N, C-alpha and C. Protein backbone atom coordinates (compact mmCIF):
# COMPACT_ATOMS: atom_id res chain seq x y z
N MET A 1 78.28 103.89 167.22
CA MET A 1 78.96 103.09 168.21
C MET A 1 80.45 103.34 168.21
N LYS A 2 81.05 103.38 167.00
CA LYS A 2 82.50 103.65 166.93
C LYS A 2 82.84 105.03 167.49
N ARG A 3 81.92 105.99 167.21
CA ARG A 3 82.17 107.37 167.70
C ARG A 3 82.08 107.39 169.20
N GLN A 4 81.19 106.67 169.80
CA GLN A 4 81.08 106.59 171.31
C GLN A 4 82.35 105.99 171.90
N ILE A 5 82.85 104.91 171.26
CA ILE A 5 84.08 104.28 171.73
C ILE A 5 85.25 105.26 171.63
N PHE A 6 85.36 105.97 170.52
CA PHE A 6 86.42 106.95 170.33
C PHE A 6 86.30 108.04 171.41
N LEU A 7 85.14 108.55 171.67
CA LEU A 7 84.98 109.62 172.65
C LEU A 7 85.34 109.09 174.06
N ALA A 8 84.97 107.88 174.33
CA ALA A 8 85.29 107.28 175.67
C ALA A 8 86.81 107.14 175.85
N ILE A 9 87.43 106.62 174.77
CA ILE A 9 88.91 106.48 174.84
C ILE A 9 89.60 107.83 174.94
N ALA A 10 89.13 108.80 174.11
CA ALA A 10 89.73 110.12 174.16
C ALA A 10 89.53 110.75 175.53
N ALA A 11 88.35 110.59 176.15
CA ALA A 11 88.13 111.12 177.47
C ALA A 11 89.07 110.54 178.55
N VAL A 12 89.30 109.25 178.43
CA VAL A 12 90.19 108.57 179.38
C VAL A 12 91.63 109.09 179.20
N ILE A 13 92.05 109.30 177.98
CA ILE A 13 93.42 109.70 177.72
C ILE A 13 93.60 111.20 177.93
N LEU A 14 92.71 112.02 177.34
CA LEU A 14 92.93 113.47 177.29
C LEU A 14 92.37 114.24 178.47
N LEU A 15 91.19 113.85 178.96
CA LEU A 15 90.58 114.67 180.03
C LEU A 15 91.37 114.78 181.31
N PRO A 16 92.09 113.75 181.76
CA PRO A 16 92.93 113.96 182.94
C PRO A 16 93.98 115.05 182.74
N LEU A 17 94.39 115.26 181.49
CA LEU A 17 95.40 116.27 181.22
C LEU A 17 94.81 117.70 181.36
N ALA A 18 93.51 117.78 181.33
CA ALA A 18 92.84 119.11 181.38
C ALA A 18 92.61 119.59 182.80
N ALA A 19 93.02 118.83 183.81
CA ALA A 19 92.79 119.24 185.18
C ALA A 19 93.41 120.59 185.40
N LEU A 20 92.75 121.40 186.28
CA LEU A 20 93.22 122.72 186.55
C LEU A 20 94.64 122.70 187.02
N GLY A 21 95.45 123.54 186.40
CA GLY A 21 96.84 123.69 186.82
C GLY A 21 97.76 122.59 186.34
N ALA A 22 97.22 121.58 185.66
CA ALA A 22 98.07 120.50 185.22
C ALA A 22 98.73 120.93 183.90
N GLU A 23 100.05 120.78 183.86
CA GLU A 23 100.80 121.09 182.66
C GLU A 23 100.74 119.88 181.75
N LEU A 24 100.44 120.12 180.50
CA LEU A 24 100.45 118.99 179.52
C LEU A 24 101.88 118.53 179.29
N GLU A 25 102.02 117.26 179.31
CA GLU A 25 103.31 116.67 178.95
C GLU A 25 103.17 115.85 177.71
N ILE A 26 103.78 116.27 176.67
CA ILE A 26 103.75 115.60 175.38
C ILE A 26 104.78 114.45 175.41
N LYS A 27 104.38 113.32 174.86
CA LYS A 27 105.32 112.21 174.78
C LYS A 27 105.30 111.56 173.43
N LYS A 28 106.28 110.72 173.19
CA LYS A 28 106.35 110.01 171.90
C LYS A 28 105.06 109.25 171.63
N GLY A 29 104.54 109.39 170.42
CA GLY A 29 103.32 108.68 170.05
C GLY A 29 102.04 109.50 170.23
N ASP A 30 102.10 110.66 170.88
CA ASP A 30 100.91 111.49 171.02
C ASP A 30 100.50 112.04 169.65
N SER A 31 99.21 112.20 169.44
CA SER A 31 98.69 112.67 168.19
C SER A 31 97.67 113.78 168.39
N ILE A 32 97.62 114.68 167.35
CA ILE A 32 96.60 115.71 167.35
C ILE A 32 96.07 115.77 165.94
N LYS A 33 94.77 116.19 165.83
CA LYS A 33 94.18 116.40 164.53
C LYS A 33 94.59 117.79 163.99
N VAL A 34 94.80 117.91 162.75
CA VAL A 34 95.15 119.17 162.11
C VAL A 34 93.84 119.92 161.86
N ASP A 35 93.73 121.15 162.34
CA ASP A 35 92.53 121.93 162.05
C ASP A 35 92.90 123.33 161.53
N SER A 36 94.09 123.43 160.98
CA SER A 36 94.51 124.70 160.40
C SER A 36 95.28 124.39 159.11
N LEU A 37 95.42 125.43 158.32
CA LEU A 37 96.18 125.25 157.07
C LEU A 37 97.60 125.73 157.28
N ASP A 38 98.25 125.18 158.30
CA ASP A 38 99.63 125.47 158.63
C ASP A 38 100.55 124.93 157.50
N ARG A 39 101.78 125.31 157.57
CA ARG A 39 102.77 124.77 156.61
C ARG A 39 104.00 124.34 157.37
N ALA A 40 104.80 123.52 156.68
CA ALA A 40 106.00 122.94 157.36
C ALA A 40 107.08 122.63 156.30
N LYS A 41 108.31 122.66 156.76
CA LYS A 41 109.40 122.23 155.88
C LYS A 41 109.59 120.70 156.03
N VAL A 42 109.56 120.06 154.90
CA VAL A 42 109.70 118.59 154.87
C VAL A 42 111.12 118.22 155.34
N LYS A 43 111.17 117.20 156.17
CA LYS A 43 112.49 116.73 156.71
C LYS A 43 112.71 115.23 156.36
N ASN A 44 111.90 114.70 155.40
CA ASN A 44 112.16 113.31 155.00
C ASN A 44 113.47 113.25 154.27
N LEU A 45 114.23 112.19 154.60
CA LEU A 45 115.56 112.04 153.98
C LEU A 45 115.45 111.60 152.52
N GLU A 46 114.37 110.92 152.19
CA GLU A 46 114.15 110.51 150.81
C GLU A 46 113.03 111.37 150.23
N VAL A 47 112.98 111.44 148.96
CA VAL A 47 111.91 112.20 148.27
C VAL A 47 110.56 111.53 148.56
N ILE A 48 109.58 112.35 148.86
CA ILE A 48 108.21 111.81 149.03
C ILE A 48 107.33 112.54 148.03
N ARG A 49 106.17 111.97 147.73
CA ARG A 49 105.31 112.63 146.79
C ARG A 49 103.86 112.47 147.10
N ASN A 50 103.07 113.45 146.63
CA ASN A 50 101.64 113.31 146.63
C ASN A 50 101.20 112.96 145.19
N LYS A 51 99.97 113.17 144.83
CA LYS A 51 99.53 112.77 143.50
C LYS A 51 100.24 113.54 142.38
N THR A 52 100.61 114.78 142.62
CA THR A 52 101.08 115.61 141.51
C THR A 52 102.50 116.22 141.74
N ARG A 53 103.09 116.01 142.92
CA ARG A 53 104.36 116.73 143.17
C ARG A 53 105.27 115.89 144.02
N GLU A 54 106.58 116.15 143.83
CA GLU A 54 107.60 115.55 144.66
C GLU A 54 108.05 116.60 145.68
N PHE A 55 108.40 116.12 146.89
CA PHE A 55 108.90 116.99 147.92
C PHE A 55 110.26 116.50 148.40
N TYR A 56 111.25 117.37 148.38
CA TYR A 56 112.62 117.07 148.77
C TYR A 56 112.86 117.68 150.15
N PHE A 57 113.85 117.21 150.83
CA PHE A 57 114.24 117.76 152.16
C PHE A 57 114.28 119.29 152.06
N GLY A 58 113.54 119.95 152.94
CA GLY A 58 113.52 121.38 152.98
C GLY A 58 112.38 122.08 152.17
N ASP A 59 111.69 121.31 151.32
CA ASP A 59 110.59 121.87 150.63
C ASP A 59 109.43 122.18 151.59
N VAL A 60 108.59 123.11 151.26
CA VAL A 60 107.49 123.47 152.08
C VAL A 60 106.20 122.85 151.57
N CYS A 61 105.40 122.30 152.50
CA CYS A 61 104.10 121.75 152.13
C CYS A 61 103.08 122.29 153.13
N HIS A 62 101.82 122.16 152.81
CA HIS A 62 100.69 122.69 153.64
C HIS A 62 99.87 121.51 154.19
N PHE A 63 99.43 121.67 155.45
CA PHE A 63 98.58 120.70 156.03
C PHE A 63 97.17 120.79 155.40
N LYS A 64 96.46 119.74 155.48
CA LYS A 64 95.06 119.73 155.07
C LYS A 64 94.22 119.34 156.32
N ASN A 65 93.10 120.09 156.53
CA ASN A 65 92.22 119.75 157.59
C ASN A 65 91.90 118.23 157.54
N GLY A 66 91.88 117.60 158.71
CA GLY A 66 91.62 116.19 158.76
C GLY A 66 92.89 115.35 158.86
N GLY A 67 94.03 115.97 158.66
CA GLY A 67 95.28 115.26 158.83
C GLY A 67 95.60 115.08 160.31
N THR A 68 96.59 114.28 160.63
CA THR A 68 96.99 114.02 161.98
C THR A 68 98.54 114.22 162.11
N LEU A 69 98.97 114.78 163.22
CA LEU A 69 100.36 114.91 163.51
C LEU A 69 100.66 113.94 164.70
N THR A 70 101.66 113.12 164.55
CA THR A 70 102.05 112.17 165.62
C THR A 70 103.51 112.42 165.97
N THR A 71 103.78 112.55 167.24
CA THR A 71 105.15 112.79 167.68
C THR A 71 106.03 111.55 167.51
N ILE A 72 107.27 111.82 167.07
CA ILE A 72 108.25 110.74 166.85
C ILE A 72 109.35 110.87 167.88
N ALA A 73 109.96 112.09 167.97
CA ALA A 73 111.09 112.29 168.89
C ALA A 73 111.17 113.77 169.23
N LYS A 74 111.74 114.08 170.40
CA LYS A 74 111.86 115.44 170.82
C LYS A 74 113.31 115.91 170.70
N GLU A 75 113.47 117.17 170.27
CA GLU A 75 114.78 117.82 170.19
C GLU A 75 114.60 119.24 170.69
N GLN A 76 115.12 119.47 171.92
CA GLN A 76 114.95 120.78 172.60
C GLN A 76 113.45 121.13 172.77
N ASP A 77 113.07 122.22 172.16
CA ASP A 77 111.62 122.65 172.30
C ASP A 77 110.79 122.34 171.07
N ARG A 78 111.16 121.37 170.30
CA ARG A 78 110.39 121.00 169.13
C ARG A 78 110.36 119.46 169.01
N TRP A 79 109.32 119.03 168.31
CA TRP A 79 109.11 117.60 168.10
C TRP A 79 109.29 117.27 166.63
N LEU A 80 109.90 116.13 166.34
CA LEU A 80 109.87 115.61 164.99
C LEU A 80 108.52 114.86 164.94
N VAL A 81 107.68 115.23 163.95
CA VAL A 81 106.36 114.66 163.87
C VAL A 81 106.12 114.02 162.51
N ARG A 82 105.16 113.10 162.45
CA ARG A 82 104.82 112.48 161.17
C ARG A 82 103.39 112.95 160.87
N TYR A 83 103.20 113.44 159.64
CA TYR A 83 101.87 113.89 159.17
C TYR A 83 101.23 112.67 158.50
N SER A 84 99.96 112.44 158.81
CA SER A 84 99.24 111.36 158.14
C SER A 84 97.86 111.85 157.72
N ILE A 85 97.43 111.39 156.56
CA ILE A 85 96.12 111.78 156.06
C ILE A 85 95.62 110.58 155.26
N LYS A 86 94.35 110.29 155.36
CA LYS A 86 93.81 109.07 154.71
C LYS A 86 93.58 109.26 153.20
N GLU A 87 93.37 110.46 152.77
CA GLU A 87 93.11 110.66 151.34
C GLU A 87 94.40 111.06 150.62
N ASN A 88 94.35 110.96 149.29
CA ASN A 88 95.49 111.39 148.47
C ASN A 88 95.45 112.92 148.41
N THR A 89 96.61 113.50 148.46
CA THR A 89 96.68 114.96 148.34
C THR A 89 97.43 115.33 147.05
N ASP A 90 97.33 116.60 146.66
CA ASP A 90 98.02 117.03 145.47
C ASP A 90 98.47 118.50 145.66
N GLY A 91 99.19 119.01 144.73
CA GLY A 91 99.69 120.37 144.79
C GLY A 91 100.65 120.61 145.93
N SER A 92 100.45 121.66 146.70
CA SER A 92 101.34 121.93 147.77
C SER A 92 100.93 121.27 149.07
N LEU A 93 99.89 120.45 149.08
CA LEU A 93 99.47 119.76 150.30
C LEU A 93 100.45 118.59 150.66
N CYS A 94 100.75 118.56 151.96
CA CYS A 94 101.67 117.54 152.42
C CYS A 94 101.21 116.11 152.09
N PRO A 95 102.13 115.30 151.59
CA PRO A 95 101.73 113.93 151.42
C PRO A 95 101.72 113.12 152.70
N ASN A 96 101.04 112.01 152.71
CA ASN A 96 101.04 111.11 153.81
C ASN A 96 102.47 110.72 154.15
N ASP A 97 102.79 110.64 155.43
CA ASP A 97 104.14 110.21 155.92
C ASP A 97 105.17 111.32 155.82
N ALA A 98 104.76 112.51 155.54
CA ALA A 98 105.79 113.65 155.59
C ALA A 98 106.19 113.80 157.06
N ILE A 99 107.51 114.04 157.25
CA ILE A 99 107.99 114.33 158.60
C ILE A 99 108.58 115.71 158.66
N PHE A 100 108.47 116.35 159.79
CA PHE A 100 109.01 117.72 159.97
C PHE A 100 109.02 118.04 161.43
N PHE A 101 109.71 119.17 161.73
CA PHE A 101 109.75 119.61 163.14
C PHE A 101 108.53 120.46 163.38
N TYR A 102 107.99 120.39 164.57
CA TYR A 102 106.79 121.14 164.99
C TYR A 102 107.06 121.65 166.41
N PRO A 103 106.88 122.96 166.67
CA PRO A 103 107.17 123.54 167.98
C PRO A 103 106.32 122.87 169.08
N GLU A 104 106.95 122.52 170.19
CA GLU A 104 106.20 121.87 171.29
C GLU A 104 105.05 122.77 171.79
N ASN A 105 105.30 124.10 171.90
CA ASN A 105 104.22 124.95 172.40
C ASN A 105 102.98 124.94 171.47
N LYS A 106 103.21 124.80 170.18
CA LYS A 106 102.05 124.73 169.22
C LYS A 106 101.32 123.41 169.38
N PHE A 107 102.09 122.33 169.64
CA PHE A 107 101.50 121.00 169.80
C PHE A 107 100.67 121.00 171.10
N ILE A 108 101.18 121.62 172.19
CA ILE A 108 100.44 121.70 173.44
C ILE A 108 99.20 122.49 173.23
N GLU A 109 99.25 123.63 172.57
CA GLU A 109 98.04 124.46 172.36
C GLU A 109 97.01 123.71 171.52
N ALA A 110 97.46 123.02 170.50
CA ALA A 110 96.52 122.23 169.68
C ALA A 110 95.89 121.08 170.49
N THR A 111 96.67 120.49 171.37
CA THR A 111 96.16 119.41 172.27
C THR A 111 95.07 119.99 173.18
N LYS A 112 95.36 121.15 173.79
CA LYS A 112 94.35 121.85 174.66
C LYS A 112 93.11 122.14 173.86
N ALA A 113 93.21 122.63 172.68
CA ALA A 113 92.04 122.96 171.85
C ALA A 113 91.26 121.67 171.54
N GLN A 114 91.92 120.58 171.26
CA GLN A 114 91.30 119.29 170.99
C GLN A 114 90.54 118.86 172.24
N ILE A 115 91.14 119.00 173.43
CA ILE A 115 90.45 118.62 174.65
C ILE A 115 89.18 119.49 174.86
N ARG A 116 89.29 120.80 174.59
CA ARG A 116 88.13 121.67 174.76
C ARG A 116 87.01 121.26 173.79
N ARG A 117 87.35 120.91 172.57
CA ARG A 117 86.33 120.43 171.62
C ARG A 117 85.64 119.17 172.10
N LEU A 118 86.42 118.24 172.61
CA LEU A 118 85.84 116.99 173.11
C LEU A 118 84.91 117.23 174.31
N GLU A 119 85.38 118.08 175.22
CA GLU A 119 84.57 118.43 176.38
C GLU A 119 83.27 119.07 175.96
N LYS A 120 83.31 119.99 175.02
CA LYS A 120 82.15 120.72 174.54
C LYS A 120 81.16 119.73 173.89
N THR A 121 81.68 118.84 173.11
CA THR A 121 80.84 117.82 172.44
C THR A 121 80.14 116.93 173.51
N GLN A 122 80.95 116.53 174.50
CA GLN A 122 80.38 115.66 175.53
C GLN A 122 79.27 116.34 176.29
N LYS A 123 79.47 117.64 176.66
CA LYS A 123 78.52 118.43 177.38
C LYS A 123 77.20 118.61 176.60
N GLU A 124 77.37 118.88 175.29
CA GLU A 124 76.19 119.03 174.43
C GLU A 124 75.41 117.75 174.34
N LYS A 125 76.06 116.62 174.24
CA LYS A 125 75.41 115.31 174.19
C LYS A 125 74.66 115.05 175.48
N GLU A 126 75.30 115.35 176.59
CA GLU A 126 74.61 115.18 177.87
C GLU A 126 73.43 116.07 177.98
N LEU A 127 73.49 117.30 177.54
CA LEU A 127 72.38 118.24 177.53
C LEU A 127 71.21 117.73 176.69
N ILE A 128 71.54 117.23 175.50
CA ILE A 128 70.52 116.69 174.63
C ILE A 128 69.82 115.51 175.22
N LYS A 129 70.64 114.60 175.84
CA LYS A 129 70.03 113.44 176.50
C LYS A 129 69.10 113.88 177.64
N LYS A 130 69.49 114.89 178.39
CA LYS A 130 68.67 115.44 179.45
C LYS A 130 67.35 116.03 178.89
N LEU A 131 67.48 116.82 177.88
CA LEU A 131 66.33 117.45 177.28
C LEU A 131 65.38 116.46 176.62
N LEU A 132 65.91 115.34 176.13
CA LEU A 132 65.10 114.29 175.55
C LEU A 132 64.58 113.33 176.56
N GLY A 133 65.02 113.49 177.85
CA GLY A 133 64.53 112.59 178.89
C GLY A 133 65.19 111.24 178.88
N ARG A 134 66.35 111.16 178.44
CA ARG A 134 67.07 109.86 178.37
C ARG A 134 68.06 109.65 179.48
């Protein structure tokens, strides 16, 4: 049930952005799921830490699949984003609430990929319903 509600909300928010020729406009508060092992330079003004390591301004950390990037503010062609992850991380993995700059073009591409995944999932579900006679 929760998954259906999530997909319905995501469809209402994201699918209109996928219209042919429509340029994605990223705004404050938009989020994407992390699905790559990208890395970033920490821009937190105070030291942040995961289970085993402290990160200072300028240190590099790595994303973990399942994390989320949420836009905070835009500066030219990049966004200040907040990384969040529900589980504790260690080693070089970014801790929850790490902030850093992320290129707008990468955020847009990740958003488009997320839309494509949602559309594919929805189409497969519809096909399965049809094949099952529901």
